């Protein structure tokens, strides 16, 4: 899944920033951050899919409505 790759890239970049600042976090914290990022990406994806589904529903309603004029 693309979300996993994006989350991993974000965590890797964050780890670089933390380490460049001379700090460190445990592997568990980075793993938890990855899960949080994945959850956020999944939520955003589902919200976008819901919006598309509503648009498709509107279009299908319009098609059915307009088709009734041709019967």
C-alpha atoms as a PDB file:
ATOM      1  CA  UNK A   1       0.000   0.000   0.000  1.00  0.00           C
ATOM      2  CA  UNK A   2       1.166   3.482  -0.766  1.00  0.00           C
ATOM      3  CA  UNK A   3       0.168   4.753   2.679  1.00  0.00           C
ATOM      4  CA  UNK A   4       2.737   2.462   4.278  1.00  0.00           C
ATOM      5  CA  UNK A   5       5.511   3.746   2.021  1.00  0.00           C
ATOM      6  CA  UNK A   6       4.535   7.365   2.641  1.00  0.00           C
ATOM      7  CA  UNK A   7       4.328   6.826   6.390  1.00  0.00           C
ATOM      8  CA  UNK A   8       7.728   5.133   6.420  1.00  0.00           C
ATOM      9  CA  UNK A   9       9.261   7.993   4.421  1.00  0.00           C
ATOM     10  CA  UNK A  10       7.781  10.557   6.821  1.00  0.00           C
ATOM     11  CA  UNK A  11       9.089   8.686   9.860  1.00  0.00           C
ATOM     12  CA  UNK A  12      12.514   8.330   8.274  1.00  0.00           C
ATOM     13  CA  UNK A  13      12.655  12.065   7.608  1.00  0.00           C
ATOM     14  CA  UNK A  14      11.481  12.830  11.142  1.00  0.00           C
ATOM     15  CA  UNK A  15      14.133  10.480  12.556  1.00  0.00           C
ATOM     16  CA  UNK A  16      16.786  12.331  10.525  1.00  0.00           C
ATOM     17  CA  UNK A  17      15.614  15.673  11.922  1.00  0.00           C
ATOM     18  CA  UNK A  18      15.643  14.349  15.490  1.00  0.00           C
ATOM     19  CA  UNK A  19      19.087  12.824  15.112  1.00  0.00           C
ATOM     20  CA  UNK A  20      20.463  15.928  13.373  1.00  0.00           C
ATOM     21  CA  UNK A  21      19.330  17.894  16.421  1.00  0.00           C
ATOM     22  CA  UNK A  22      21.374  15.530  18.594  1.00  0.00           C
ATOM     23  CA  UNK A  23      18.357  13.811  20.121  1.00  0.00           C
ATOM     24  CA  UNK A  24      17.041  10.287  19.890  1.00  0.00           C
ATOM     25  CA  UNK A  25      13.837   8.355  20.405  1.00  0.00           C
ATOM     26  CA  UNK A  26      13.230   4.658  20.901  1.00  0.00           C
ATOM     27  CA  UNK A  27      12.285   2.402  18.000  1.00  0.00           C
ATOM     28  CA  UNK A  28       8.892   1.930  19.660  1.00  0.00           C
ATOM     29  CA  UNK A  29       8.201   5.648  19.420  1.00  0.00           C
ATOM     30  CA  UNK A  30       9.045   5.663  15.713  1.00  0.00           C
ATOM     31  CA  UNK A  31       6.829   2.622  15.166  1.00  0.00           C
ATOM     32  CA  UNK A  32       3.969   4.340  16.979  1.00  0.00           C
ATOM     33  CA  UNK A  33       4.501   7.485  14.907  1.00  0.00           C
ATOM     34  CA  UNK A  34       4.296   5.380  11.738  1.00  0.00           C
ATOM     35  CA  UNK A  35       0.976   3.898  12.895  1.00  0.00           C
ATOM     36  CA  UNK A  36      -0.396   7.353  13.674  1.00  0.00           C
ATOM     37  CA  UNK A  37       0.631   8.631  10.241  1.00  0.00           C
ATOM     38  CA  UNK A  38      -0.866   5.577   8.511  1.00  0.00           C
ATOM     39  CA  UNK A  39      -4.134   6.081  10.393  1.00  0.00           C
ATOM     40  CA  UNK A  40      -4.237   9.725   9.335  1.00  0.00           C
ATOM     41  CA  UNK A  41      -3.563   8.835   5.709  1.00  0.00           C
ATOM     42  CA  UNK A  42      -6.226   6.116   5.810  1.00  0.00           C
ATOM     43  CA  UNK A  43      -8.752   8.560   7.257  1.00  0.00           C
ATOM     44  CA  UNK A  44      -7.989  11.143   4.591  1.00  0.00           C
ATOM     45  CA  UNK A  45      -8.313   8.497   1.880  1.00  0.00           C
ATOM     46  CA  UNK A  46     -11.661   7.285   3.205  1.00  0.00           C
ATOM     47  CA  UNK A  47     -12.980  10.836   3.380  1.00  0.00           C
ATOM     48  CA  UNK A  48     -11.921  11.438  -0.229  1.00  0.00           C
ATOM     49  CA  UNK A  49     -13.546   8.157  -1.312  1.00  0.00           C
ATOM     50  CA  UNK A  50     -16.769   9.132   0.449  1.00  0.00           C
ATOM     51  CA  UNK A  51     -16.793  12.453  -1.400  1.00  0.00           C
ATOM     52  CA  UNK A  52     -16.308  10.673  -4.743  1.00  0.00           C
ATOM     53  CA  UNK A  53     -19.049   8.180  -3.871  1.00  0.00           C
ATOM     54  CA  UNK A  54     -21.472  11.024  -3.139  1.00  0.00           C
ATOM     55  CA  UNK A  55     -20.559  12.696  -6.439  1.00  0.00           C
ATOM     56  CA  UNK A  56     -21.131   9.421  -8.310  1.00  0.00           C
ATOM     57  CA  UNK A  57     -24.481   9.039  -6.594  1.00  0.00           C
ATOM     58  CA  UNK A  58     -25.460  12.543  -7.730  1.00  0.00           C
ATOM     59  CA  UNK A  59     -24.368  11.809 -11.299  1.00  0.00           C
ATOM     60  CA  UNK A  60     -26.265   8.526 -11.405  1.00  0.00           C
ATOM     61  CA  UNK A  61     -29.378  10.285 -10.097  1.00  0.00           C
ATOM     62  CA  UNK A  62     -29.051  12.930 -12.809  1.00  0.00           C
ATOM     63  CA  UNK A  63     -28.622  10.256 -15.488  1.00  0.00           C
ATOM     64  CA  UNK A  64     -31.739   8.402 -14.317  1.00  0.00           C
ATOM     65  CA  UNK A  65     -33.669  11.668 -14.161  1.00  0.00           C
ATOM     66  CA  UNK A  66     -32.574  12.748 -17.638  1.00  0.00           C
ATOM     67  CA  UNK A  67     -33.181   9.284 -19.086  1.00  0.00           C
ATOM     68  CA  UNK A  68     -36.847   9.540 -18.115  1.00  0.00           C
ATOM     69  CA  UNK A  69     -37.246  12.283 -20.729  1.00  0.00           C
ATOM     70  CA  UNK A  70     -36.247   9.848 -23.470  1.00  0.00           C
ATOM     71  CA  UNK A  71     -38.736   7.086 -22.619  1.00  0.00           C
END
